[in-house]
Amino acid sequence: MSTSKSKATEELTQVMEETMNRVEARFQAITEQLGSQIDEMGTRINSLEENVMELTAQASMDDLPISKVTDPLPQ
């Protein structure tokens, strides 16, 4: 009887190891995918910030009276 228990224990251990290996591989794949998506999101946020700054600068120039834009700087 102890031989069959030992064999069952070995089989269960093997099944659990295989399951844990699959879970670990899946977790690693998800971690890499999330990292890639976070990097892409950071790049997109930086681009958005640049666009907002450009639009803000453009709006500031549009708000100035024409004489202010064309007048030479005071000396």
N, C-alpha and C. Protein backbone atom coordinates (compact mmCIF):
# COMPACT_ATOMS: atom_id res chain seq x y z
N MET A 1 0.82 -1.20 0.00
CA MET A 1 0.00 0.00 0.00
C MET A 1 0.86 1.25 0.00
N SER A 2 1.99 1.22 0.68
CA SER A 2 2.84 2.40 0.73
C SER A 2 3.45 2.69 -0.64
N THR A 3 3.62 1.66 -1.47
CA THR A 3 4.16 1.86 -2.81
C THR A 3 3.17 2.65 -3.66
N SER A 4 1.89 2.33 -3.56
CA SER A 4 0.88 3.04 -4.34
C SER A 4 0.72 4.48 -3.84
N LYS A 5 0.86 4.69 -2.52
CA LYS A 5 0.80 6.04 -1.97
C LYS A 5 2.01 6.85 -2.46
N SER A 6 3.15 6.20 -2.49
CA SER A 6 4.36 6.86 -2.94
C SER A 6 4.24 7.24 -4.42
N LYS A 7 3.71 6.33 -5.22
CA LYS A 7 3.53 6.61 -6.65
C LYS A 7 2.50 7.72 -6.83
N ALA A 8 1.43 7.70 -6.09
CA ALA A 8 0.41 8.75 -6.18
C ALA A 8 1.00 10.09 -5.77
N THR A 9 1.82 10.09 -4.74
CA THR A 9 2.47 11.32 -4.30
C THR A 9 3.40 11.85 -5.37
N GLU A 10 4.15 10.98 -6.00
CA GLU A 10 5.05 11.40 -7.09
C GLU A 10 4.27 11.98 -8.26
N GLU A 11 3.18 11.33 -8.63
CA GLU A 11 2.35 11.82 -9.73
C GLU A 11 1.74 13.18 -9.40
N LEU A 12 1.25 13.31 -8.19
CA LEU A 12 0.67 14.58 -7.77
C LEU A 12 1.72 15.68 -7.76
N THR A 13 2.91 15.33 -7.28
CA THR A 13 4.00 16.31 -7.26
C THR A 13 4.35 16.73 -8.67
N GLN A 14 4.40 15.80 -9.59
CA GLN A 14 4.73 16.11 -10.98
C GLN A 14 3.65 17.00 -11.60
N VAL A 15 2.39 16.66 -11.36
CA VAL A 15 1.29 17.47 -11.89
C VAL A 15 1.35 18.88 -11.32
N MET A 16 1.63 19.01 -10.05
CA MET A 16 1.70 20.33 -9.42
C MET A 16 2.89 21.13 -9.96
N GLU A 17 4.01 20.48 -10.18
CA GLU A 17 5.18 21.17 -10.74
C GLU A 17 4.89 21.68 -12.15
N GLU A 18 4.25 20.84 -12.95
CA GLU A 18 3.88 21.26 -14.32
C GLU A 18 2.90 22.43 -14.28
N THR A 19 1.94 22.35 -13.39
CA THR A 19 0.97 23.43 -13.26
C THR A 19 1.65 24.72 -12.82
N MET A 20 2.52 24.62 -11.86
CA MET A 20 3.24 25.81 -11.38
C MET A 20 4.12 26.39 -12.48
N ASN A 21 4.76 25.55 -13.28
CA ASN A 21 5.57 26.02 -14.39
C ASN A 21 4.73 26.77 -15.42
N ARG A 22 3.53 26.23 -15.72
CA ARG A 22 2.63 26.91 -16.65
C ARG A 22 2.17 28.25 -16.09
N VAL A 23 1.83 28.27 -14.81
CA VAL A 23 1.39 29.51 -14.17
C VAL A 23 2.52 30.54 -14.18
N GLU A 24 3.73 30.10 -13.86
CA GLU A 24 4.88 31.00 -13.85
C GLU A 24 5.15 31.57 -15.24
N ALA A 25 5.06 30.73 -16.28
CA ALA A 25 5.29 31.19 -17.65
C ALA A 25 4.21 32.20 -18.06
N ARG A 26 2.99 31.93 -17.70
CA ARG A 26 1.88 32.85 -18.02
C ARG A 26 2.07 34.17 -17.27
N PHE A 27 2.44 34.10 -16.02
CA PHE A 27 2.67 35.31 -15.23
C PHE A 27 3.80 36.14 -15.85
N GLN A 28 4.86 35.48 -16.28
CA GLN A 28 5.98 36.18 -16.91
C GLN A 28 5.53 36.87 -18.20
N ALA A 29 4.74 36.19 -19.00
CA ALA A 29 4.24 36.77 -20.25
C ALA A 29 3.37 37.99 -19.98
N ILE A 30 2.51 37.89 -18.98
CA ILE A 30 1.64 39.02 -18.63
C ILE A 30 2.48 40.18 -18.10
N THR A 31 3.48 39.90 -17.30
CA THR A 31 4.36 40.94 -16.76
C THR A 31 5.06 41.68 -17.89
N GLU A 32 5.58 40.95 -18.87
CA GLU A 32 6.26 41.57 -20.00
C GLU A 32 5.28 42.41 -20.82
N GLN A 33 4.08 41.90 -21.01
CA GLN A 33 3.07 42.63 -21.78
C GLN A 33 2.69 43.92 -21.07
N LEU A 34 2.50 43.86 -19.78
CA LEU A 34 2.15 45.06 -19.01
C LEU A 34 3.29 46.07 -19.06
N GLY A 35 4.51 45.61 -18.93
CA GLY A 35 5.66 46.51 -19.00
C GLY A 35 5.71 47.24 -20.33
N SER A 36 5.47 46.51 -21.40
CA SER A 36 5.46 47.10 -22.74
C SER A 36 4.35 48.12 -22.87
N GLN A 37 3.18 47.81 -22.36
CA GLN A 37 2.05 48.73 -22.45
C GLN A 37 2.30 49.98 -21.61
N ILE A 38 2.93 49.84 -20.46
CA ILE A 38 3.24 50.99 -19.61
C ILE A 38 4.25 51.89 -20.31
N ASP A 39 5.25 51.29 -20.94
CA ASP A 39 6.23 52.08 -21.70
C ASP A 39 5.56 52.85 -22.83
N GLU A 40 4.68 52.18 -23.55
CA GLU A 40 3.96 52.83 -24.65
C GLU A 40 3.09 53.97 -24.13
N MET A 41 2.43 53.75 -23.01
CA MET A 41 1.59 54.79 -22.42
C MET A 41 2.44 55.98 -22.00
N GLY A 42 3.60 55.75 -21.45
CA GLY A 42 4.50 56.84 -21.06
C GLY A 42 4.91 57.66 -22.26
N THR A 43 5.22 56.99 -23.36
CA THR A 43 5.59 57.69 -24.59
C THR A 43 4.43 58.54 -25.10
N ARG A 44 3.24 57.99 -25.05
CA ARG A 44 2.06 58.72 -25.52
C ARG A 44 1.75 59.91 -24.62
N ILE A 45 1.96 59.77 -23.32
CA ILE A 45 1.73 60.88 -22.39
C ILE A 45 2.74 61.98 -22.66
N ASN A 46 4.00 61.62 -22.88
CA ASN A 46 5.02 62.63 -23.19
C ASN A 46 4.66 63.39 -24.46
N SER A 47 4.20 62.69 -25.46
CA SER A 47 3.80 63.32 -26.72
C SER A 47 2.61 64.25 -26.48
N LEU A 48 1.68 63.81 -25.69
CA LEU A 48 0.51 64.64 -25.38
C LEU A 48 0.93 65.91 -24.64
N GLU A 49 1.84 65.79 -23.69
CA GLU A 49 2.33 66.95 -22.96
C GLU A 49 2.99 67.95 -23.90
N GLU A 50 3.79 67.45 -24.84
CA GLU A 50 4.44 68.33 -25.82
C GLU A 50 3.40 69.06 -26.67
N ASN A 51 2.38 68.32 -27.11
CA ASN A 51 1.33 68.94 -27.92
C ASN A 51 0.58 70.00 -27.13
N VAL A 52 0.29 69.74 -25.87
CA VAL A 52 -0.41 70.72 -25.04
C VAL A 52 0.45 71.96 -24.86
N MET A 53 1.75 71.80 -24.62
CA MET A 53 2.63 72.95 -24.47
C MET A 53 2.69 73.77 -25.77
N GLU A 54 2.75 73.10 -26.91
CA GLU A 54 2.76 73.81 -28.19
C GLU A 54 1.46 74.57 -28.40
N LEU A 55 0.33 73.93 -28.10
CA LEU A 55 -0.96 74.60 -28.26
C LEU A 55 -1.10 75.77 -27.29
N THR A 56 -0.59 75.61 -26.08
CA THR A 56 -0.64 76.70 -25.10
C THR A 56 0.20 77.87 -25.58
N ALA A 57 1.38 77.59 -26.09
CA ALA A 57 2.25 78.64 -26.61
C ALA A 57 1.58 79.33 -27.80
N GLN A 58 0.97 78.55 -28.67
CA GLN A 58 0.30 79.12 -29.82
C GLN A 58 -0.89 79.97 -29.38
N ALA A 59 -1.65 79.52 -28.41
CA ALA A 59 -2.79 80.28 -27.91
C ALA A 59 -2.32 81.58 -27.27
N SER A 60 -1.20 81.54 -26.57
CA SER A 60 -0.66 82.75 -25.95
C SER A 60 -0.28 83.76 -27.02
N MET A 61 0.30 83.30 -28.10
CA MET A 61 0.67 84.19 -29.20
C MET A 61 -0.57 84.76 -29.86
N ASP A 62 -1.61 83.95 -29.97
CA ASP A 62 -2.86 84.41 -30.59
C ASP A 62 -3.56 85.46 -29.73
N ASP A 63 -3.36 85.42 -28.42
CA ASP A 63 -4.01 86.35 -27.50
C ASP A 63 -3.34 87.72 -27.49
N LEU A 64 -2.09 87.81 -27.93
CA LEU A 64 -1.38 89.09 -27.92
C LEU A 64 -1.93 89.99 -29.02
N PRO A 65 -2.03 91.29 -28.74
CA PRO A 65 -2.42 92.21 -29.80
C PRO A 65 -1.37 92.20 -30.90
N ILE A 66 -1.80 92.45 -32.10
CA ILE A 66 -0.89 92.40 -33.25
C ILE A 66 0.27 93.37 -33.05
N SER A 67 0.02 94.55 -32.50
CA SER A 67 1.10 95.51 -32.32
C SER A 67 2.16 94.96 -31.36
N LYS A 68 1.76 94.18 -30.38
CA LYS A 68 2.73 93.58 -29.43
C LYS A 68 3.61 92.56 -30.14
N VAL A 69 3.01 91.84 -31.08
CA VAL A 69 3.76 90.80 -31.76
C VAL A 69 4.75 91.42 -32.74
N THR A 70 4.36 92.49 -33.41
CA THR A 70 5.20 93.08 -34.45
C THR A 70 6.12 94.17 -33.95
N ASP A 71 5.84 94.78 -32.77
CA ASP A 71 6.69 95.83 -32.22
C ASP A 71 8.04 95.26 -31.84
N PRO A 72 9.11 96.02 -32.10
CA PRO A 72 10.42 95.54 -31.66
C PRO A 72 10.48 95.53 -30.14
N LEU A 73 11.37 94.76 -29.63
CA LEU A 73 11.56 94.70 -28.16
C LEU A 73 12.10 96.03 -27.65
N PRO A 74 11.62 96.46 -26.46
CA PRO A 74 12.15 97.70 -25.88
C PRO A 74 13.63 97.54 -25.54
N GLN A 75 14.37 98.64 -25.65
CA GLN A 75 15.78 98.58 -25.39
C GLN A 75 16.14 99.25 -24.11
